[in-house]
Amino acid sequence: MFISLLWPSRPVPCTFRSRTNSAYHKNQVRLNLSLRHSMKGRSFRFNSFRFVAFLFAIRCTMESRAAPMRASQDPIEARKCNVADQKLAESFERAAIAHLKSEGYRVTNPRRLVVRELAAVNRPLPPSEIHEKIAGSGSSIDLVSVYRILHALESVGLIHHIAAMDGYLACRSDAGSEHHAAHFICSRCGCVDEQVLDETACRSIEGQGREAGFATGSFRVEVLGTCRHCRGTEG
């Protein structure tokens, strides 16, 4: 009995110690969960920042490489062969306005604007591009009016419709007169050089027409090729 009292068969649990350990364990678990949650958010934000920085670096690299290419490739509208000489443009505009008046047309502001856009370039312009240029300059004009004005200008011989480019070109070789023209069209930049066909070429074409049983009227020749500017032999 004495021994059993000194050495009990089962250990007596320490209530204070077990409660303390339990509370400590719970606090540790909560702390670990809190740390994991906070680190998870920080890791996500850090990875997102690295990803955005990576994309930004790629974009900067691509733009730096593309800049020299854009600088070396001048736009078609700015090429020397496509921009008409200012004096020639003003001369054509004056001649076109005078010819419209002689044909009984009123010189309205929309007609003057369309003539000015055609006079400024050496390439055929489609109606949609003419409309965009005029609207972009702050003037008001609708696309239907552009089509009507182009039809009127073509009917009096001031412009030609270039079928190969599906656009309208200012007729600079004696505007408004009756003649047979040859249009040398650059298939790269779209510029057009208009030349009046000589009598030999006209007789040859008319003779071929007669052999085919065809009565020729007015005709224009479109020749596709490459201009001096695009060939690199300008000078």
C-alpha atoms as a PDB file:
ATOM      1  CA  MET A   1       0.000   0.000   0.000  1.00  0.00           C
ATOM      2  CA  PHE A   2       2.771   2.362   0.838  1.00  0.00           C
ATOM      3  CA  ILE A   3       4.553   1.655  -2.394  1.00  0.00           C
ATOM      4  CA  SER A   4       1.419   2.085  -4.439  1.00  0.00           C
ATOM      5  CA  LEU A   5       0.831   5.444  -2.892  1.00  0.00           C
ATOM      6  CA  LEU A   6       4.321   6.612  -3.738  1.00  0.00           C
ATOM      7  CA  TRP A   7       4.282   5.168  -7.215  1.00  0.00           C
ATOM      8  CA  PRO A   8       0.816   5.241  -8.709  1.00  0.00           C
ATOM      9  CA  SER A   9       0.035   2.792 -11.485  1.00  0.00           C
ATOM     10  CA  ARG A  10      -1.086   5.560 -13.846  1.00  0.00           C
ATOM     11  CA  PRO A  11       0.526   8.972 -14.092  1.00  0.00           C
ATOM     12  CA  VAL A  12      -1.509  11.859 -12.893  1.00  0.00           C
ATOM     13  CA  PRO A  13      -2.059  14.292 -15.785  1.00  0.00           C
ATOM     14  CA  CYS A  14      -0.873  17.807 -15.283  1.00  0.00           C
ATOM     15  CA  THR A  15      -3.850  19.947 -16.155  1.00  0.00           C
ATOM     16  CA  PHE A  16      -1.972  23.235 -16.249  1.00  0.00           C
ATOM     17  CA  ARG A  17       0.760  21.919 -18.528  1.00  0.00           C
ATOM     18  CA  SER A  18      -1.574  20.278 -21.017  1.00  0.00           C
ATOM     19  CA  ARG A  19      -3.702  23.364 -21.287  1.00  0.00           C
ATOM     20  CA  THR A  20      -0.635  25.499 -21.826  1.00  0.00           C
ATOM     21  CA  ASN A  21       0.711  23.215 -24.532  1.00  0.00           C
ATOM     22  CA  SER A  22      -2.677  23.110 -26.246  1.00  0.00           C
ATOM     23  CA  ALA A  23      -2.963  26.884 -26.341  1.00  0.00           C
ATOM     24  CA  TYR A  24       0.601  27.199 -27.577  1.00  0.00           C
ATOM     25  CA  HIS A  25      -0.054  24.653 -30.321  1.00  0.00           C
ATOM     26  CA  LYS A  26      -3.165  26.481 -31.455  1.00  0.00           C
ATOM     27  CA  ASN A  27      -1.310  29.782 -31.545  1.00  0.00           C
ATOM     28  CA  GLN A  28       1.464  28.220 -33.595  1.00  0.00           C
ATOM     29  CA  VAL A  29      -1.026  26.794 -36.070  1.00  0.00           C
ATOM     30  CA  ARG A  30      -2.745  30.147 -36.414  1.00  0.00           C
ATOM     31  CA  LEU A  31       0.580  31.893 -36.864  1.00  0.00           C
ATOM     32  CA  ASN A  32       1.681  29.443 -39.539  1.00  0.00           C
ATOM     33  CA  LEU A  33      -1.585  29.780 -41.421  1.00  0.00           C
ATOM     34  CA  SER A  34      -1.362  33.547 -41.221  1.00  0.00           C
ATOM     35  CA  LEU A  35       2.207  33.525 -42.505  1.00  0.00           C
ATOM     36  CA  ARG A  36       1.334  31.177 -45.347  1.00  0.00           C
ATOM     37  CA  HIS A  37      -1.625  33.311 -46.360  1.00  0.00           C
ATOM     38  CA  SER A  38       0.402  36.523 -46.292  1.00  0.00           C
ATOM     39  CA  MET A  39       3.330  34.978 -48.153  1.00  0.00           C
ATOM     40  CA  LYS A  40       0.984  33.513 -50.727  1.00  0.00           C
ATOM     41  CA  GLY A  41      -0.440  36.942 -51.510  1.00  0.00           C
ATOM     42  CA  ARG A  42       2.994  38.505 -51.609  1.00  0.00           C
ATOM     43  CA  SER A  43       4.276  35.753 -53.861  1.00  0.00           C
ATOM     44  CA  PHE A  44       1.347  36.237 -56.242  1.00  0.00           C
ATOM     45  CA  ARG A  45       1.853  39.976 -56.334  1.00  0.00           C
ATOM     46  CA  PHE A  46       5.588  39.548 -56.809  1.00  0.00           C
ATOM     47  CA  ASN A  47       5.137  37.059 -59.646  1.00  0.00           C
ATOM     48  CA  SER A  48       2.555  39.320 -61.299  1.00  0.00           C
ATOM     49  CA  PHE A  49       4.951  42.243 -61.122  1.00  0.00           C
ATOM     50  CA  ARG A  50       7.736  40.153 -62.656  1.00  0.00           C
ATOM     51  CA  PHE A  51       5.416  39.005 -65.458  1.00  0.00           C
ATOM     52  CA  VAL A  52       4.326  42.558 -66.288  1.00  0.00           C
ATOM     53  CA  ALA A  53       7.943  43.726 -66.237  1.00  0.00           C
ATOM     54  CA  PHE A  54       8.867  40.863 -68.553  1.00  0.00           C
ATOM     55  CA  LEU A  55       6.144  41.817 -71.058  1.00  0.00           C
ATOM     56  CA  PHE A  56       7.176  45.470 -70.897  1.00  0.00           C
ATOM     57  CA  ALA A  57      10.800  44.539 -71.631  1.00  0.00           C
ATOM     58  CA  ILE A  58       9.728  42.468 -74.648  1.00  0.00           C
ATOM     59  CA  ARG A  59       7.613  45.335 -75.978  1.00  0.00           C
ATOM     60  CA  CYS A  60      10.460  47.832 -75.607  1.00  0.00           C
ATOM     61  CA  THR A  61      12.821  45.474 -77.410  1.00  0.00           C
ATOM     62  CA  MET A  62      10.404  44.936 -80.298  1.00  0.00           C
ATOM     63  CA  GLU A  63       9.732  48.672 -80.668  1.00  0.00           C
ATOM     64  CA  SER A  64      13.450  49.476 -80.648  1.00  0.00           C
ATOM     65  CA  ARG A  65      14.041  46.937 -83.388  1.00  0.00           C
ATOM     66  CA  ALA A  66      11.062  48.088 -85.449  1.00  0.00           C
ATOM     67  CA  ALA A  67      11.936  51.802 -85.273  1.00  0.00           C
ATOM     68  CA  PRO A  68      14.776  51.658 -87.834  1.00  0.00           C
ATOM     69  CA  MET A  69      12.563  49.655 -90.189  1.00  0.00           C
ATOM     70  CA  ARG A  70       9.763  52.234 -89.948  1.00  0.00           C
ATOM     71  CA  ALA A  71      12.240  55.034 -90.541  1.00  0.00           C
ATOM     72  CA  SER A  72      13.686  53.345 -93.606  1.00  0.00           C
ATOM     73  CA  GLN A  73      10.280  52.584 -95.103  1.00  0.00           C
ATOM     74  CA  ASP A  74       8.819  55.971 -95.994  1.00  0.00           C
ATOM     75  CA  PRO A  75       5.057  56.030 -96.527  1.00  0.00           C
ATOM     76  CA  ILE A  76       3.754  55.929-100.077  1.00  0.00           C
ATOM     77  CA  GLU A  77       2.130  59.359 -99.775  1.00  0.00           C
ATOM     78  CA  ALA A  78       5.456  60.975 -98.838  1.00  0.00           C
ATOM     79  CA  ARG A  79       7.530  59.545-101.683  1.00  0.00           C
ATOM     80  CA  LYS A  80       8.904  62.103-104.103  1.00  0.00           C
ATOM     81  CA  CYS A  81       7.403  60.379-107.118  1.00  0.00           C
ATOM     82  CA  ASN A  82       3.937  60.484-105.547  1.00  0.00           C
ATOM     83  CA  VAL A  83       3.940  64.123-104.467  1.00  0.00           C
ATOM     84  CA  ALA A  84       3.211  66.626-107.222  1.00  0.00           C
ATOM     85  CA  ASP A  85       5.296  69.737-107.600  1.00  0.00           C
ATOM     86  CA  GLN A  86       3.574  72.662-105.912  1.00  0.00           C
ATOM     87  CA  LYS A  87       3.693  74.852-109.001  1.00  0.00           C
ATOM     88  CA  LEU A  88       2.284  72.069-111.165  1.00  0.00           C
ATOM     89  CA  ALA A  89      -0.448  71.416-108.609  1.00  0.00           C
ATOM     90  CA  GLU A  90      -1.457  75.077-108.497  1.00  0.00           C
ATOM     91  CA  SER A  91      -1.345  75.292-112.287  1.00  0.00           C
ATOM     92  CA  PHE A  92      -3.614  72.269-112.671  1.00  0.00           C
ATOM     93  CA  GLU A  93      -6.056  73.630-110.102  1.00  0.00           C
ATOM     94  CA  ARG A  94      -6.340  76.959-111.912  1.00  0.00           C
ATOM     95  CA  ALA A  95      -6.747  75.262-115.300  1.00  0.00           C
ATOM     96  CA  ALA A  96      -9.347  72.849-113.933  1.00  0.00           C
ATOM     97  CA  ILE A  97     -11.393  75.641-112.343  1.00  0.00           C
ATOM     98  CA  ALA A  98     -11.311  77.658-115.558  1.00  0.00           C
ATOM     99  CA  HIS A  99     -12.317  74.627-117.612  1.00  0.00           C
ATOM    100  CA  LEU A 100     -15.224  73.835-115.286  1.00  0.00           C
ATOM    101  CA  LYS A 101     -16.494  77.389-115.658  1.00  0.00           C
ATOM    102  CA  SER A 102     -16.210  77.197-119.433  1.00  0.00           C
ATOM    103  CA  GLU A 103     -18.262  73.996-119.381  1.00  0.00           C
ATOM    104  CA  GLY A 104     -21.026  75.691-117.400  1.00  0.00           C
ATOM    105  CA  TYR A 105     -20.271  74.158-113.981  1.00  0.00           C
ATOM    106  CA  ARG A 106     -20.472  76.183-110.808  1.00  0.00           C
ATOM    107  CA  VAL A 107     -17.195  76.133-108.894  1.00  0.00           C
ATOM    108  CA  THR A 108     -18.427  75.116-105.465  1.00  0.00           C
ATOM    109  CA  ASN A 109     -16.175  74.599-102.472  1.00  0.00           C
ATOM    110  CA  PRO A 110     -16.531  70.769-102.545  1.00  0.00           C
ATOM    111  CA  ARG A 111     -15.502  70.699-106.216  1.00  0.00           C
ATOM    112  CA  ARG A 112     -12.543  72.914-105.509  1.00  0.00           C
ATOM    113  CA  LEU A 113     -11.470  70.648-102.627  1.00  0.00           C
ATOM    114  CA  VAL A 114     -11.666  67.492-104.756  1.00  0.00           C
ATOM    115  CA  VAL A 115      -9.656  69.134-107.540  1.00  0.00           C
ATOM    116  CA  ARG A 116      -7.052  70.258-104.998  1.00  0.00           C
ATOM    117  CA  GLU A 117      -6.613  66.756-103.576  1.00  0.00           C
ATOM    118  CA  LEU A 118      -6.183  65.273-107.046  1.00  0.00           C
ATOM    119  CA  ALA A 119      -3.747  68.004-108.069  1.00  0.00           C
ATOM    120  CA  ALA A 120      -1.488  67.397-105.052  1.00  0.00           C
ATOM    121  CA  VAL A 121      -0.485  63.828-105.963  1.00  0.00           C
ATOM    122  CA  ASN A 122       0.882  61.869-108.899  1.00  0.00           C
ATOM    123  CA  ARG A 123      -1.034  58.702-108.160  1.00  0.00           C
ATOM    124  CA  PRO A 124      -4.653  57.624-108.611  1.00  0.00           C
ATOM    125  CA  LEU A 125      -6.897  58.303-105.630  1.00  0.00           C
ATOM    126  CA  PRO A 126     -10.004  56.224-104.923  1.00  0.00           C
ATOM    127  CA  PRO A 127     -13.136  58.140-103.891  1.00  0.00           C
ATOM    128  CA  SER A 128     -12.929  56.841-100.320  1.00  0.00           C
ATOM    129  CA  GLU A 129      -9.399  58.212 -99.856  1.00  0.00           C
ATOM    130  CA  ILE A 130     -10.371  61.585-101.305  1.00  0.00           C
ATOM    131  CA  HIS A 131     -13.269  61.720 -98.873  1.00  0.00           C
ATOM    132  CA  GLU A 132     -10.995  60.833 -95.934  1.00  0.00           C
ATOM    133  CA  LYS A 133      -8.432  63.478 -96.873  1.00  0.00           C
ATOM    134  CA  ILE A 134     -11.021  66.241 -97.158  1.00  0.00           C
ATOM    135  CA  ALA A 135     -12.824  65.203 -93.982  1.00  0.00           C
ATOM    136  CA  GLY A 136      -9.497  64.946 -92.156  1.00  0.00           C
ATOM    137  CA  SER A 137      -8.652  68.535 -93.068  1.00  0.00           C
ATOM    138  CA  GLY A 138     -11.771  69.739 -91.257  1.00  0.00           C
ATOM    139  CA  SER A 139     -13.999  70.347 -94.275  1.00  0.00           C
ATOM    140  CA  SER A 140     -17.447  68.818 -94.592  1.00  0.00           C
ATOM    141  CA  ILE A 141     -18.254  66.607 -97.580  1.00  0.00           C
ATOM    142  CA  ASP A 142     -20.090  63.324 -98.024  1.00  0.00           C
ATOM    143  CA  LEU A 143     -18.907  60.357-100.063  1.00  0.00           C
ATOM    144  CA  VAL A 144     -21.820  60.591-102.518  1.00  0.00           C
ATOM    145  CA  SER A 145     -20.803  64.149-103.406  1.00  0.00           C
ATOM    146  CA  VAL A 146     -17.241  62.967-104.033  1.00  0.00           C
ATOM    147  CA  TYR A 147     -18.499  60.385-106.534  1.00  0.00           C
ATOM    148  CA  ARG A 148     -20.638  62.980-108.315  1.00  0.00           C
ATOM    149  CA  ILE A 149     -17.789  65.480-108.534  1.00  0.00           C
ATOM    150  CA  LEU A 150     -15.424  62.835-109.895  1.00  0.00           C
ATOM    151  CA  HIS A 151     -17.978  61.894-112.534  1.00  0.00           C
ATOM    152  CA  ALA A 152     -18.284  65.543-113.580  1.00  0.00           C
ATOM    153  CA  LEU A 153     -14.509  66.017-113.724  1.00  0.00           C
ATOM    154  CA  GLU A 154     -14.077  62.874-115.804  1.00  0.00           C
ATOM    155  CA  SER A 155     -16.852  63.852-118.206  1.00  0.00           C
ATOM    156  CA  VAL A 156     -15.045  67.098-119.108  1.00  0.00           C
ATOM    157  CA  GLY A 157     -11.636  65.406-119.462  1.00  0.00           C
ATOM    158  CA  LEU A 158      -9.959  66.788-116.351  1.00  0.00           C
ATOM    159  CA  ILE A 159      -9.232  63.418-114.756  1.00  0.00           C
ATOM    160  CA  HIS A 160      -8.773  59.817-115.842  1.00  0.00           C
ATOM    161  CA  HIS A 161      -9.909  56.637-114.191  1.00  0.00           C
ATOM    162  CA  ILE A 162      -6.933  54.291-113.881  1.00  0.00           C
ATOM    163  CA  ALA A 163      -8.403  50.806-114.023  1.00  0.00           C
ATOM    164  CA  ALA A 164      -5.256  49.049-112.809  1.00  0.00           C
ATOM    165  CA  MET A 165      -5.328  51.045-109.545  1.00  0.00           C
ATOM    166  CA  ASP A 166      -9.089  51.687-109.393  1.00  0.00           C
ATOM    167  CA  GLY A 167      -8.541  55.368-108.737  1.00  0.00           C
ATOM    168  CA  TYR A 168      -8.735  58.786-110.381  1.00  0.00           C
ATOM    169  CA  LEU A 169      -5.727  60.687-111.690  1.00  0.00           C
ATOM    170  CA  ALA A 170      -5.403  64.357-112.589  1.00  0.00           C
ATOM    171  CA  CYS A 171      -4.883  64.817-116.332  1.00  0.00           C
ATOM    172  CA  ARG A 172      -1.899  67.182-116.488  1.00  0.00           C
ATOM    173  CA  SER A 173      -1.086  66.853-120.181  1.00  0.00           C
ATOM    174  CA  ASP A 174      -3.162  69.704-121.600  1.00  0.00           C
ATOM    175  CA  ALA A 175      -6.071  69.249-119.197  1.00  0.00           C
ATOM    176  CA  GLY A 176      -9.456  69.205-120.835  1.00  0.00           C
ATOM    177  CA  SER A 177      -8.235  68.560-124.363  1.00  0.00           C
ATOM    178  CA  GLU A 178      -8.908  65.498-126.462  1.00  0.00           C
ATOM    179  CA  HIS A 179      -5.861  63.283-126.722  1.00  0.00           C
ATOM    180  CA  HIS A 180      -4.721  59.690-126.500  1.00  0.00           C
ATOM    181  CA  ALA A 181      -2.646  59.025-123.410  1.00  0.00           C
ATOM    182  CA  ALA A 182      -0.318  56.362-122.103  1.00  0.00           C
ATOM    183  CA  HIS A 183      -0.152  55.895-118.346  1.00  0.00           C
ATOM    184  CA  PHE A 184       3.019  54.321-116.975  1.00  0.00           C
ATOM    185  CA  ILE A 185       2.012  52.872-113.611  1.00  0.00           C
ATOM    186  CA  CYS A 186       4.453  51.813-110.904  1.00  0.00           C
ATOM    187  CA  SER A 187       3.239  48.538-109.463  1.00  0.00           C
ATOM    188  CA  ARG A 188       5.153  49.186-106.205  1.00  0.00           C
ATOM    189  CA  CYS A 189       4.260  52.709-105.094  1.00  0.00           C
ATOM    190  CA  GLY A 190       1.347  53.463-107.436  1.00  0.00           C
ATOM    191  CA  CYS A 191       2.693  56.643-109.016  1.00  0.00           C
ATOM    192  CA  VAL A 192       1.619  57.327-112.598  1.00  0.00           C
ATOM    193  CA  ASP A 193       3.463  59.166-115.352  1.00  0.00           C
ATOM    194  CA  GLU A 194       1.106  60.341-118.088  1.00  0.00           C
ATOM    195  CA  GLN A 195       2.456  60.717-121.607  1.00  0.00           C
ATOM    196  CA  VAL A 196       0.585  61.707-124.759  1.00  0.00           C
ATOM    197  CA  LEU A 197       0.800  59.022-127.429  1.00  0.00           C
ATOM    198  CA  ASP A 198       2.425  60.225-130.615  1.00  0.00           C
ATOM    199  CA  GLU A 199       0.817  59.869-134.035  1.00  0.00           C
ATOM    200  CA  THR A 200       2.824  56.769-134.906  1.00  0.00           C
ATOM    201  CA  ALA A 201       1.586  54.880-131.857  1.00  0.00           C
ATOM    202  CA  CYS A 202      -1.991  56.057-132.427  1.00  0.00           C
ATOM    203  CA  ARG A 203      -1.960  54.967-136.085  1.00  0.00           C
ATOM    204  CA  SER A 204      -0.550  51.589-135.100  1.00  0.00           C
ATOM    205  CA  ILE A 205      -3.334  51.012-132.569  1.00  0.00           C
ATOM    206  CA  GLU A 206      -5.999  52.254-134.974  1.00  0.00           C
ATOM    207  CA  GLY A 207      -4.613  49.995-137.715  1.00  0.00           C
ATOM    208  CA  GLN A 208      -4.759  46.968-135.439  1.00  0.00           C
ATOM    209  CA  GLY A 209      -8.328  47.919-134.615  1.00  0.00           C
ATOM    210  CA  ARG A 210      -9.307  48.091-138.289  1.00  0.00           C
ATOM    211  CA  GLU A 211      -7.760  44.673-138.906  1.00  0.00           C
ATOM    212  CA  ALA A 212      -9.945  43.328-136.119  1.00  0.00           C
ATOM    213  CA  GLY A 213     -13.004  45.059-137.620  1.00  0.00           C
ATOM    214  CA  PHE A 214     -13.117  47.560-134.796  1.00  0.00           C
ATOM    215  CA  ALA A 215     -13.775  51.288-135.217  1.00  0.00           C
ATOM    216  CA  THR A 216     -11.511  52.938-132.664  1.00  0.00           C
ATOM    217  CA  GLY A 217     -12.463  56.020-130.717  1.00  0.00           C
ATOM    218  CA  SER A 218     -10.504  57.574-127.872  1.00  0.00           C
ATOM    219  CA  PHE A 219      -8.187  55.193-126.087  1.00  0.00           C
ATOM    220  CA  ARG A 220      -5.711  55.107-123.235  1.00  0.00           C
ATOM    221  CA  VAL A 221      -2.902  52.665-122.617  1.00  0.00           C
ATOM    222  CA  GLU A 222      -1.926  51.497-119.134  1.00  0.00           C
ATOM    223  CA  VAL A 223       1.609  50.148-118.765  1.00  0.00           C
ATOM    224  CA  LEU A 224       2.652  48.460-115.514  1.00  0.00           C
ATOM    225  CA  GLY A 225       6.255  48.575-114.365  1.00  0.00           C
ATOM    226  CA  THR A 226       8.582  50.099-111.756  1.00  0.00           C
ATOM    227  CA  CYS A 227       9.381  53.796-111.433  1.00  0.00           C
ATOM    228  CA  ARG A 228      12.873  55.277-111.042  1.00  0.00           C
ATOM    229  CA  HIS A 229      12.336  55.945-107.345  1.00  0.00           C
ATOM    230  CA  CYS A 230      11.442  52.344-106.514  1.00  0.00           C
ATOM    231  CA  ARG A 231      14.243  51.008-108.709  1.00  0.00           C
ATOM    232  CA  GLY A 232      16.725  53.227-106.874  1.00  0.00           C
ATOM    233  CA  THR A 233      17.937  54.916-110.040  1.00  0.00           C
ATOM    234  CA  GLU A 234      16.398  58.333-109.472  1.00  0.00           C
ATOM    235  CA  GLY A 235      18.699  61.188-110.236  1.00  0.00           C
END
